[in-house]
Amino acid sequence: MKMATQHLLLICLLCSMSVACAPERIREVRDYNATFVCDGDQRVQVRFAPFKAVLESQGLSVDMIQQPAADGFLYTRGGQRLRARGDEATWTDGKGTVHHCRGAAASPKGDTTAR
């Protein structure tokens, strides 16, 4: 019985610690545009909106849906995948080719000036 009480106390302690250490909730969601430069100087434009992104490259446009990611972000649809953390990104195109990319610029929606 004593062992069960100790386990219960440990579980309560861990639960309270996870709540105390949980990241702060996102208070603002805004649309923004980003440009990634991939292998071979190929440019990929991405328009991000809450829970979705539109990826444009070489005249093609793909509406992608946000997926759970441990860190950074992940968007997928139609065999395409955009995964990034910080300025580093990996884009898998519709043919399955993996492109290693780096963020070039980001701006709020409607603002086309470089920062």
N, C-alpha and C. Protein backbone atom coordinates (compact mmCIF):
# COMPACT_ATOMS: atom_id res chain seq x y z
N MET A 1 0.82 -1.19 0.00
CA MET A 1 0.00 0.00 0.00
C MET A 1 0.87 1.25 0.00
N LYS A 2 1.97 1.22 0.76
CA LYS A 2 2.86 2.37 0.82
C LYS A 2 3.47 2.66 -0.55
N MET A 3 3.81 1.61 -1.29
CA MET A 3 4.40 1.76 -2.62
C MET A 3 3.40 2.42 -3.57
N ALA A 4 2.13 2.05 -3.50
CA ALA A 4 1.10 2.65 -4.36
C ALA A 4 0.95 4.13 -4.05
N THR A 5 1.02 4.51 -2.80
CA THR A 5 0.91 5.92 -2.41
C THR A 5 2.11 6.71 -2.94
N GLN A 6 3.30 6.11 -2.89
CA GLN A 6 4.49 6.78 -3.40
C GLN A 6 4.37 6.99 -4.91
N HIS A 7 3.88 5.98 -5.62
CA HIS A 7 3.71 6.12 -7.06
C HIS A 7 2.69 7.21 -7.39
N LEU A 8 1.61 7.26 -6.64
CA LEU A 8 0.59 8.28 -6.86
C LEU A 8 1.16 9.67 -6.62
N LEU A 9 1.95 9.84 -5.58
CA LEU A 9 2.57 11.14 -5.30
C LEU A 9 3.55 11.52 -6.39
N LEU A 10 4.32 10.55 -6.88
CA LEU A 10 5.26 10.82 -7.96
C LEU A 10 4.53 11.25 -9.23
N ILE A 11 3.43 10.57 -9.55
CA ILE A 11 2.64 10.94 -10.74
C ILE A 11 2.08 12.34 -10.59
N CYS A 12 1.56 12.69 -9.41
CA CYS A 12 1.02 14.04 -9.18
C CYS A 12 2.11 15.09 -9.31
N LEU A 13 3.31 14.79 -8.79
CA LEU A 13 4.43 15.72 -8.88
C LEU A 13 4.82 15.94 -10.34
N LEU A 14 4.94 14.87 -11.11
CA LEU A 14 5.31 14.98 -12.52
C LEU A 14 4.26 15.75 -13.32
N CYS A 15 2.99 15.50 -13.04
CA CYS A 15 1.92 16.23 -13.74
C CYS A 15 1.98 17.72 -13.43
N SER A 16 2.19 18.07 -12.18
CA SER A 16 2.25 19.49 -11.82
C SER A 16 3.48 20.15 -12.43
N MET A 17 4.59 19.42 -12.52
CA MET A 17 5.79 19.98 -13.14
C MET A 17 5.58 20.20 -14.62
N SER A 18 4.88 19.29 -15.30
CA SER A 18 4.66 19.45 -16.73
C SER A 18 3.79 20.65 -17.02
N VAL A 19 2.83 20.94 -16.16
CA VAL A 19 1.99 22.13 -16.33
C VAL A 19 2.80 23.38 -16.09
N ALA A 20 3.64 23.37 -15.06
CA ALA A 20 4.46 24.54 -14.74
C ALA A 20 5.50 24.82 -15.82
N CYS A 21 5.98 23.78 -16.47
CA CYS A 21 7.02 23.93 -17.48
C CYS A 21 6.48 24.02 -18.90
N ALA A 22 5.19 23.93 -19.05
CA ALA A 22 4.58 23.97 -20.39
C ALA A 22 4.86 25.31 -21.05
N PRO A 23 5.11 25.30 -22.38
CA PRO A 23 5.35 26.56 -23.06
C PRO A 23 4.12 27.46 -23.01
N GLU A 24 4.38 28.74 -23.08
CA GLU A 24 3.28 29.71 -23.06
C GLU A 24 2.43 29.54 -24.30
N ARG A 25 1.15 29.71 -24.17
CA ARG A 25 0.24 29.59 -25.31
C ARG A 25 0.51 30.69 -26.32
N ILE A 26 0.30 30.35 -27.56
CA ILE A 26 0.44 31.33 -28.63
C ILE A 26 -0.71 32.31 -28.51
N ARG A 27 -0.39 33.58 -28.40
CA ARG A 27 -1.41 34.60 -28.22
C ARG A 27 -1.74 35.32 -29.52
N GLU A 28 -0.86 35.23 -30.49
CA GLU A 28 -1.08 35.94 -31.75
C GLU A 28 -0.71 35.02 -32.91
N VAL A 29 -1.57 34.93 -33.88
CA VAL A 29 -1.28 34.17 -35.09
C VAL A 29 -1.40 35.16 -36.23
N ARG A 30 -0.37 35.19 -37.06
CA ARG A 30 -0.44 36.13 -38.18
C ARG A 30 0.05 35.46 -39.45
N ASP A 31 -0.41 35.96 -40.53
CA ASP A 31 0.03 35.46 -41.83
C ASP A 31 1.38 36.08 -42.14
N TYR A 32 2.23 35.33 -42.83
CA TYR A 32 3.49 35.89 -43.29
C TYR A 32 3.98 35.14 -44.52
N ASN A 33 4.90 35.76 -45.21
CA ASN A 33 5.49 35.19 -46.42
C ASN A 33 6.95 34.88 -46.15
N ALA A 34 7.44 33.81 -46.77
CA ALA A 34 8.85 33.45 -46.62
C ALA A 34 9.38 32.97 -47.96
N THR A 35 10.66 33.18 -48.14
CA THR A 35 11.36 32.68 -49.32
C THR A 35 12.46 31.75 -48.85
N PHE A 36 12.53 30.59 -49.45
CA PHE A 36 13.60 29.64 -49.17
C PHE A 36 14.42 29.47 -50.43
N VAL A 37 15.73 29.41 -50.27
CA VAL A 37 16.63 29.14 -51.39
C VAL A 37 17.14 27.72 -51.19
N CYS A 38 16.87 26.87 -52.18
CA CYS A 38 17.19 25.45 -52.08
C CYS A 38 18.39 25.11 -52.95
N ASP A 39 18.78 23.84 -52.91
CA ASP A 39 19.88 23.34 -53.74
C ASP A 39 19.75 23.86 -55.16
N GLY A 40 20.86 24.20 -55.76
CA GLY A 40 20.84 24.67 -57.14
C GLY A 40 20.23 26.04 -57.29
N ASP A 41 20.17 26.81 -56.22
CA ASP A 41 19.64 28.17 -56.21
C ASP A 41 18.16 28.23 -56.59
N GLN A 42 17.44 27.13 -56.39
CA GLN A 42 16.00 27.09 -56.66
C GLN A 42 15.28 27.82 -55.53
N ARG A 43 14.38 28.74 -55.89
CA ARG A 43 13.65 29.53 -54.90
C ARG A 43 12.26 28.97 -54.69
N VAL A 44 11.84 28.94 -53.42
CA VAL A 44 10.52 28.47 -53.04
C VAL A 44 9.86 29.58 -52.22
N GLN A 45 8.69 30.02 -52.66
CA GLN A 45 7.93 31.03 -51.93
C GLN A 45 6.86 30.31 -51.12
N VAL A 46 6.68 30.72 -49.86
CA VAL A 46 5.66 30.10 -49.02
C VAL A 46 4.86 31.20 -48.34
N ARG A 47 3.53 31.12 -48.48
CA ARG A 47 2.62 32.03 -47.78
C ARG A 47 1.99 31.24 -46.64
N PHE A 48 2.34 31.61 -45.43
CA PHE A 48 1.84 30.92 -44.25
C PHE A 48 0.60 31.62 -43.72
N ALA A 49 -0.37 30.84 -43.30
CA ALA A 49 -1.58 31.31 -42.64
C ALA A 49 -1.84 30.30 -41.51
N PRO A 50 -2.70 30.61 -40.58
CA PRO A 50 -2.95 29.65 -39.50
C PRO A 50 -3.32 28.26 -40.03
N PHE A 51 -2.51 27.28 -39.68
CA PHE A 51 -2.73 25.86 -39.95
C PHE A 51 -2.60 25.46 -41.41
N LYS A 52 -2.13 26.36 -42.28
CA LYS A 52 -1.93 26.01 -43.68
C LYS A 52 -0.82 26.87 -44.28
N ALA A 53 -0.35 26.45 -45.45
CA ALA A 53 0.66 27.21 -46.17
C ALA A 53 0.47 26.94 -47.66
N VAL A 54 0.80 27.92 -48.48
CA VAL A 54 0.77 27.75 -49.93
C VAL A 54 2.21 27.85 -50.41
N LEU A 55 2.70 26.75 -50.98
CA LEU A 55 4.07 26.68 -51.47
C LEU A 55 4.06 26.88 -52.98
N GLU A 56 4.91 27.78 -53.46
CA GLU A 56 5.01 28.05 -54.90
C GLU A 56 6.44 27.89 -55.35
N SER A 57 6.62 27.11 -56.41
CA SER A 57 7.94 26.93 -56.99
C SER A 57 7.78 26.51 -58.44
N GLN A 58 8.60 27.08 -59.28
CA GLN A 58 8.63 26.77 -60.71
C GLN A 58 7.24 26.80 -61.34
N GLY A 59 6.43 27.80 -60.98
CA GLY A 59 5.12 27.98 -61.57
C GLY A 59 4.02 27.10 -61.00
N LEU A 60 4.35 26.24 -60.05
CA LEU A 60 3.36 25.38 -59.43
C LEU A 60 3.01 25.89 -58.05
N SER A 61 1.76 25.68 -57.65
CA SER A 61 1.29 26.12 -56.34
C SER A 61 0.62 24.94 -55.64
N VAL A 62 1.00 24.72 -54.36
CA VAL A 62 0.44 23.61 -53.59
C VAL A 62 -0.08 24.14 -52.27
N ASP A 63 -1.36 23.87 -51.98
CA ASP A 63 -1.94 24.21 -50.68
C ASP A 63 -1.58 23.08 -49.72
N MET A 64 -0.86 23.42 -48.66
CA MET A 64 -0.42 22.41 -47.70
C MET A 64 -1.10 22.62 -46.35
N ILE A 65 -1.24 21.54 -45.61
CA ILE A 65 -1.87 21.56 -44.30
C ILE A 65 -0.80 21.34 -43.23
N GLN A 66 -0.89 22.10 -42.16
CA GLN A 66 0.07 21.96 -41.06
C GLN A 66 -0.12 20.62 -40.36
N GLN A 67 1.00 19.98 -40.03
CA GLN A 67 1.00 18.70 -39.33
C GLN A 67 1.72 18.87 -37.99
N PRO A 68 1.45 17.99 -37.03
CA PRO A 68 2.17 18.08 -35.76
C PRO A 68 3.67 17.88 -35.97
N ALA A 69 4.46 18.66 -35.25
CA ALA A 69 5.92 18.55 -35.32
C ALA A 69 6.48 18.77 -33.92
N ALA A 70 7.49 18.00 -33.57
CA ALA A 70 8.09 18.13 -32.24
C ALA A 70 8.71 19.51 -32.06
N ASP A 71 9.31 20.03 -33.11
CA ASP A 71 9.83 21.39 -33.09
C ASP A 71 9.84 21.89 -34.52
N GLY A 72 9.95 23.18 -34.69
CA GLY A 72 9.88 23.74 -36.03
C GLY A 72 8.48 23.59 -36.58
N PHE A 73 8.38 23.35 -37.91
CA PHE A 73 7.06 23.16 -38.50
C PHE A 73 7.09 22.11 -39.58
N LEU A 74 5.91 21.59 -39.91
CA LEU A 74 5.76 20.58 -40.94
C LEU A 74 4.44 20.82 -41.65
N TYR A 75 4.49 20.90 -42.98
CA TYR A 75 3.30 21.03 -43.82
C TYR A 75 3.38 19.97 -44.91
N THR A 76 2.24 19.36 -45.24
CA THR A 76 2.22 18.33 -46.28
C THR A 76 0.95 18.41 -47.12
N ARG A 77 1.04 17.85 -48.32
CA ARG A 77 -0.14 17.63 -49.17
C ARG A 77 0.34 17.16 -50.54
N GLY A 78 -0.42 16.25 -51.11
CA GLY A 78 -0.17 15.80 -52.48
C GLY A 78 1.24 15.28 -52.72
N GLY A 79 1.81 14.59 -51.75
CA GLY A 79 3.17 14.05 -51.91
C GLY A 79 4.27 15.06 -51.62
N GLN A 80 3.89 16.30 -51.40
CA GLN A 80 4.90 17.32 -51.08
C GLN A 80 4.98 17.49 -49.57
N ARG A 81 6.15 17.91 -49.11
CA ARG A 81 6.39 18.04 -47.67
C ARG A 81 7.38 19.18 -47.44
N LEU A 82 7.06 20.07 -46.53
CA LEU A 82 7.97 21.14 -46.14
C LEU A 82 8.18 21.04 -44.65
N ARG A 83 9.43 20.76 -44.25
CA ARG A 83 9.78 20.61 -42.84
C ARG A 83 10.91 21.58 -42.55
N ALA A 84 10.76 22.37 -41.48
CA ALA A 84 11.80 23.35 -41.17
C ALA A 84 11.95 23.54 -39.68
N ARG A 85 13.13 23.97 -39.31
CA ARG A 85 13.44 24.36 -37.94
C ARG A 85 14.43 25.51 -38.07
N GLY A 86 14.04 26.67 -37.54
CA GLY A 86 14.88 27.85 -37.71
C GLY A 86 14.93 28.24 -39.17
N ASP A 87 16.11 28.52 -39.68
CA ASP A 87 16.27 28.90 -41.09
C ASP A 87 16.52 27.72 -42.02
N GLU A 88 16.68 26.53 -41.48
CA GLU A 88 16.95 25.35 -42.28
C GLU A 88 15.65 24.64 -42.63
N ALA A 89 15.49 24.23 -43.88
CA ALA A 89 14.26 23.56 -44.32
C ALA A 89 14.60 22.41 -45.26
N THR A 90 13.71 21.45 -45.29
CA THR A 90 13.78 20.36 -46.25
C THR A 90 12.44 20.32 -46.97
N TRP A 91 12.48 20.41 -48.28
CA TRP A 91 11.27 20.37 -49.09
C TRP A 91 11.34 19.13 -49.97
N THR A 92 10.33 18.30 -49.90
CA THR A 92 10.21 17.15 -50.78
C THR A 92 9.14 17.50 -51.81
N ASP A 93 9.55 17.55 -53.08
CA ASP A 93 8.61 17.96 -54.13
C ASP A 93 7.69 16.79 -54.52
N GLY A 94 6.78 17.04 -55.43
CA GLY A 94 5.79 16.06 -55.84
C GLY A 94 6.38 14.83 -56.51
N LYS A 95 7.64 14.92 -56.97
CA LYS A 95 8.31 13.78 -57.60
C LYS A 95 9.11 12.97 -56.59
N GLY A 96 9.11 13.43 -55.33
CA GLY A 96 9.85 12.74 -54.28
C GLY A 96 11.29 13.19 -54.12
N THR A 97 11.69 14.22 -54.87
CA THR A 97 13.05 14.75 -54.76
C THR A 97 13.16 15.61 -53.51
N VAL A 98 14.18 15.37 -52.71
CA VAL A 98 14.41 16.13 -51.48
C VAL A 98 15.35 17.30 -51.77
N HIS A 99 14.92 18.49 -51.38
CA HIS A 99 15.71 19.71 -51.56
C HIS A 99 16.07 20.27 -50.19
N HIS A 100 17.34 20.57 -49.99
CA HIS A 100 17.78 21.20 -48.75
C HIS A 100 17.77 22.70 -48.97
N CYS A 101 17.10 23.43 -48.07
CA CYS A 101 16.85 24.85 -48.28
C CYS A 101 17.27 25.66 -47.06
N ARG A 102 17.38 26.96 -47.29
CA ARG A 102 17.70 27.91 -46.23
C ARG A 102 16.78 29.11 -46.40
N GLY A 103 16.24 29.61 -45.29
CA GLY A 103 15.37 30.78 -45.34
C GLY A 103 16.11 32.00 -45.85
N ALA A 104 15.49 32.72 -46.79
CA ALA A 104 16.12 33.91 -47.37
C ALA A 104 15.52 35.17 -46.78
N ALA A 105 14.19 35.20 -46.57
CA ALA A 105 13.53 36.40 -46.06
C ALA A 105 12.15 36.04 -45.56
N ALA A 106 11.64 36.82 -44.65
CA ALA A 106 10.27 36.65 -44.16
C ALA A 106 9.68 38.03 -43.99
N SER A 107 8.40 38.14 -44.25
CA SER A 107 7.74 39.44 -44.09
C SER A 107 6.29 39.24 -43.74
N PRO A 108 5.68 40.21 -43.04
CA PRO A 108 4.24 40.12 -42.76
C PRO A 108 3.47 40.12 -44.07
N LYS A 109 2.26 39.55 -44.06
CA LYS A 109 1.44 39.48 -45.27
C LYS A 109 1.22 40.88 -45.82
N GLY A 110 1.44 40.98 -47.12
CA GLY A 110 1.22 42.26 -47.78
C GLY A 110 2.47 43.15 -47.79
N ASP A 111 3.44 42.83 -46.98
CA ASP A 111 4.68 43.61 -46.94
C ASP A 111 5.70 42.88 -47.80
N THR A 112 6.12 43.48 -48.89
CA THR A 112 7.04 42.82 -49.80
C THR A 112 8.46 43.35 -49.65
N THR A 113 8.71 44.22 -48.70
CA THR A 113 10.05 44.75 -48.52
C THR A 113 10.90 43.74 -47.78
N ALA A 114 12.16 43.64 -48.17
CA ALA A 114 13.08 42.73 -47.49
C ALA A 114 13.46 43.29 -46.14
N ARG A 115 13.70 42.41 -45.22
CA ARG A 115 14.07 42.82 -43.86
C ARG A 115 15.50 42.44 -43.57
